[in-house]
Amino acid sequence: MKISGEEYLKVIKAYETTRTKAGKGVSSPTPPSPATPPADRAEFSQQAQEIRAVAAKIKDMPDVREDIVASLRERIQNGTYNVDSKQVAEMILRRTAADSLK
């Protein structure tokens, strides 16, 4: 439904008249000019604000965890890094199963 500026002013005037007759005696503020519509406004829920805060924290986190990389690099160079083939095979199967569910 579209309301023109003239119709809007008629509604406001009728409202003021009714309000004055009811004994309020207080006029409403001047309606905004149809040429200048009120500014757009948006409110975000608490959950949206929390998601925004978490996203900002994640953005600030490094892409590579240098401490883990340095530890692994040192263990490989020292020859103390051992991989359990059963764990690798199990993870491959889990990933394959998870990917097939997508």
C-alpha atoms as a PDB file:
ATOM      1  CA  MET A   1       0.000   0.000   0.000  1.00  0.00           C
ATOM      2  CA  LYS A   2       1.360   3.380  -0.980  1.00  0.00           C
ATOM      3  CA  ILE A   3       0.539   6.497   1.000  1.00  0.00           C
ATOM      4  CA  SER A   4       1.200   9.843  -0.620  1.00  0.00           C
ATOM      5  CA  GLY A   5       2.419  12.886   1.267  1.00  0.00           C
ATOM      6  CA  GLU A   6      -1.057  14.431   1.171  1.00  0.00           C
ATOM      7  CA  GLU A   7      -2.677  11.322   2.634  1.00  0.00           C
ATOM      8  CA  TYR A   8      -0.018  11.181   5.332  1.00  0.00           C
ATOM      9  CA  LEU A   9      -0.738  14.790   6.339  1.00  0.00           C
ATOM     10  CA  LYS A  10      -4.489  14.070   6.426  1.00  0.00           C
ATOM     11  CA  VAL A  11      -3.928  11.157   8.797  1.00  0.00           C
ATOM     12  CA  ILE A  12      -1.715  13.251  11.087  1.00  0.00           C
ATOM     13  CA  LYS A  13      -4.267  16.081  11.123  1.00  0.00           C
ATOM     14  CA  ALA A  14      -7.090  13.662  11.928  1.00  0.00           C
ATOM     15  CA  TYR A  15      -4.997  12.146  14.703  1.00  0.00           C
ATOM     16  CA  GLU A  16      -4.252  15.586  16.192  1.00  0.00           C
ATOM     17  CA  THR A  17      -7.943  16.538  16.052  1.00  0.00           C
ATOM     18  CA  THR A  18      -8.993  13.328  17.786  1.00  0.00           C
ATOM     19  CA  ARG A  19      -6.278  13.712  20.379  1.00  0.00           C
ATOM     20  CA  THR A  20      -7.250  17.329  21.127  1.00  0.00           C
ATOM     21  CA  LYS A  21     -10.931  16.383  21.447  1.00  0.00           C
ATOM     22  CA  ALA A  22      -9.999  13.628  23.903  1.00  0.00           C
ATOM     23  CA  GLY A  23      -8.662  16.320  26.243  1.00  0.00           C
ATOM     24  CA  LYS A  24      -4.977  15.714  25.766  1.00  0.00           C
ATOM     25  CA  GLY A  25      -4.388  19.185  24.378  1.00  0.00           C
ATOM     26  CA  VAL A  26      -0.934  18.196  23.196  1.00  0.00           C
ATOM     27  CA  SER A  27      -0.142  18.387  19.541  1.00  0.00           C
ATOM     28  CA  SER A  28       2.148  15.874  17.936  1.00  0.00           C
ATOM     29  CA  PRO A  29       5.431  16.972  16.389  1.00  0.00           C
ATOM     30  CA  THR A  30       5.420  18.317  12.863  1.00  0.00           C
ATOM     31  CA  PRO A  31       5.425  15.433  10.405  1.00  0.00           C
ATOM     32  CA  PRO A  32       8.548  15.070   8.297  1.00  0.00           C
ATOM     33  CA  SER A  33       8.421  16.553   4.844  1.00  0.00           C
ATOM     34  CA  PRO A  34       7.561  13.985   2.157  1.00  0.00           C
ATOM     35  CA  ALA A  35      10.663  15.158   0.261  1.00  0.00           C
ATOM     36  CA  THR A  36      12.951  14.006   3.104  1.00  0.00           C
ATOM     37  CA  PRO A  37      12.040  10.488   4.237  1.00  0.00           C
ATOM     38  CA  PRO A  38      13.284   9.369   7.643  1.00  0.00           C
ATOM     39  CA  ALA A  39      16.714   7.755   7.701  1.00  0.00           C
ATOM     40  CA  ASP A  40      16.918   3.979   7.435  1.00  0.00           C
ATOM     41  CA  ARG A  41      17.707   2.185  10.659  1.00  0.00           C
ATOM     42  CA  ALA A  42      18.624  -1.394  11.486  1.00  0.00           C
ATOM     43  CA  GLU A  43      18.910  -3.187  14.799  1.00  0.00           C
ATOM     44  CA  PHE A  44      20.856  -6.413  15.170  1.00  0.00           C
ATOM     45  CA  SER A  45      19.909  -9.142  17.599  1.00  0.00           C
ATOM     46  CA  GLN A  46      22.157 -10.089  20.490  1.00  0.00           C
ATOM     47  CA  GLN A  47      23.065 -13.297  18.659  1.00  0.00           C
ATOM     48  CA  ALA A  48      24.085 -11.357  15.531  1.00  0.00           C
ATOM     49  CA  GLN A  49      26.261  -9.061  17.637  1.00  0.00           C
ATOM     50  CA  GLU A  50      27.946 -12.063  19.266  1.00  0.00           C
ATOM     51  CA  ILE A  51      28.557 -13.667  15.859  1.00  0.00           C
ATOM     52  CA  ARG A  52      30.103 -10.431  14.632  1.00  0.00           C
ATOM     53  CA  ALA A  53      32.427 -10.327  17.677  1.00  0.00           C
ATOM     54  CA  VAL A  54      33.506 -13.956  17.185  1.00  0.00           C
ATOM     55  CA  ALA A  55      34.077 -13.381  13.471  1.00  0.00           C
ATOM     56  CA  ALA A  56      36.310 -10.401  14.290  1.00  0.00           C
ATOM     57  CA  LYS A  57      38.346 -12.523  16.727  1.00  0.00           C
ATOM     58  CA  ILE A  58      38.722 -15.304  14.156  1.00  0.00           C
ATOM     59  CA  LYS A  59      39.826 -12.771  11.551  1.00  0.00           C
ATOM     60  CA  ASP A  60      42.584 -11.606  13.908  1.00  0.00           C
ATOM     61  CA  MET A  61      43.872 -15.163  14.423  1.00  0.00           C
ATOM     62  CA  PRO A  62      46.844 -16.260  12.328  1.00  0.00           C
ATOM     63  CA  ASP A  63      46.235 -18.685   9.456  1.00  0.00           C
ATOM     64  CA  VAL A  64      49.167 -20.855  10.562  1.00  0.00           C
ATOM     65  CA  ARG A  65      49.849 -21.826  14.152  1.00  0.00           C
ATOM     66  CA  GLU A  66      53.567 -21.173  14.161  1.00  0.00           C
ATOM     67  CA  ASP A  67      54.120 -22.838  17.550  1.00  0.00           C
ATOM     68  CA  ILE A  68      52.794 -26.191  16.287  1.00  0.00           C
ATOM     69  CA  VAL A  69      54.678 -25.903  13.002  1.00  0.00           C
ATOM     70  CA  ALA A  70      57.940 -25.167  14.855  1.00  0.00           C
ATOM     71  CA  SER A  71      57.395 -28.130  17.192  1.00  0.00           C
ATOM     72  CA  LEU A  72      56.691 -30.504  14.300  1.00  0.00           C
ATOM     73  CA  ARG A  73      59.643 -29.181  12.311  1.00  0.00           C
ATOM     74  CA  GLU A  74      61.954 -29.773  15.271  1.00  0.00           C
ATOM     75  CA  ARG A  75      60.638 -33.309  15.869  1.00  0.00           C
ATOM     76  CA  ILE A  76      61.080 -34.171  12.162  1.00  0.00           C
ATOM     77  CA  GLN A  77      64.633 -32.809  12.116  1.00  0.00           C
ATOM     78  CA  ASN A  78      65.517 -34.719  15.307  1.00  0.00           C
ATOM     79  CA  GLY A  79      63.979 -37.932  13.948  1.00  0.00           C
ATOM     80  CA  THR A  80      61.543 -38.162  16.867  1.00  0.00           C
ATOM     81  CA  TYR A  81      58.375 -37.589  14.810  1.00  0.00           C
ATOM     82  CA  ASN A  82      56.603 -40.900  14.321  1.00  0.00           C
ATOM     83  CA  VAL A  83      53.298 -41.406  12.543  1.00  0.00           C
ATOM     84  CA  ASP A  84      50.989 -44.280  13.490  1.00  0.00           C
ATOM     85  CA  SER A  85      49.804 -45.758  10.176  1.00  0.00           C
ATOM     86  CA  LYS A  86      46.604 -47.096  11.788  1.00  0.00           C
ATOM     87  CA  GLN A  87      45.653 -43.583  12.950  1.00  0.00           C
ATOM     88  CA  VAL A  88      46.338 -42.177   9.472  1.00  0.00           C
ATOM     89  CA  ALA A  89      44.190 -44.873   7.848  1.00  0.00           C
ATOM     90  CA  GLU A  90      41.388 -44.296  10.369  1.00  0.00           C
ATOM     91  CA  MET A  91      41.396 -40.547   9.706  1.00  0.00           C
ATOM     92  CA  ILE A  92      41.307 -41.125   5.939  1.00  0.00           C
ATOM     93  CA  LEU A  93      38.240 -43.340   6.360  1.00  0.00           C
ATOM     94  CA  ARG A  94      36.533 -40.838   8.673  1.00  0.00           C
ATOM     95  CA  ARG A  95      37.133 -37.979   6.246  1.00  0.00           C
ATOM     96  CA  THR A  96      35.855 -40.027   3.323  1.00  0.00           C
ATOM     97  CA  ALA A  97      32.706 -40.927   5.263  1.00  0.00           C
ATOM     98  CA  ALA A  98      32.161 -37.310   6.344  1.00  0.00           C
ATOM     99  CA  ASP A  99      32.670 -36.023   2.795  1.00  0.00           C
ATOM    100  CA  SER A 100      30.141 -38.504   1.418  1.00  0.00           C
ATOM    101  CA  LEU A 101      27.485 -37.094   3.759  1.00  0.00           C
ATOM    102  CA  LYS A 102      27.729 -33.602   2.239  1.00  0.00           C
END
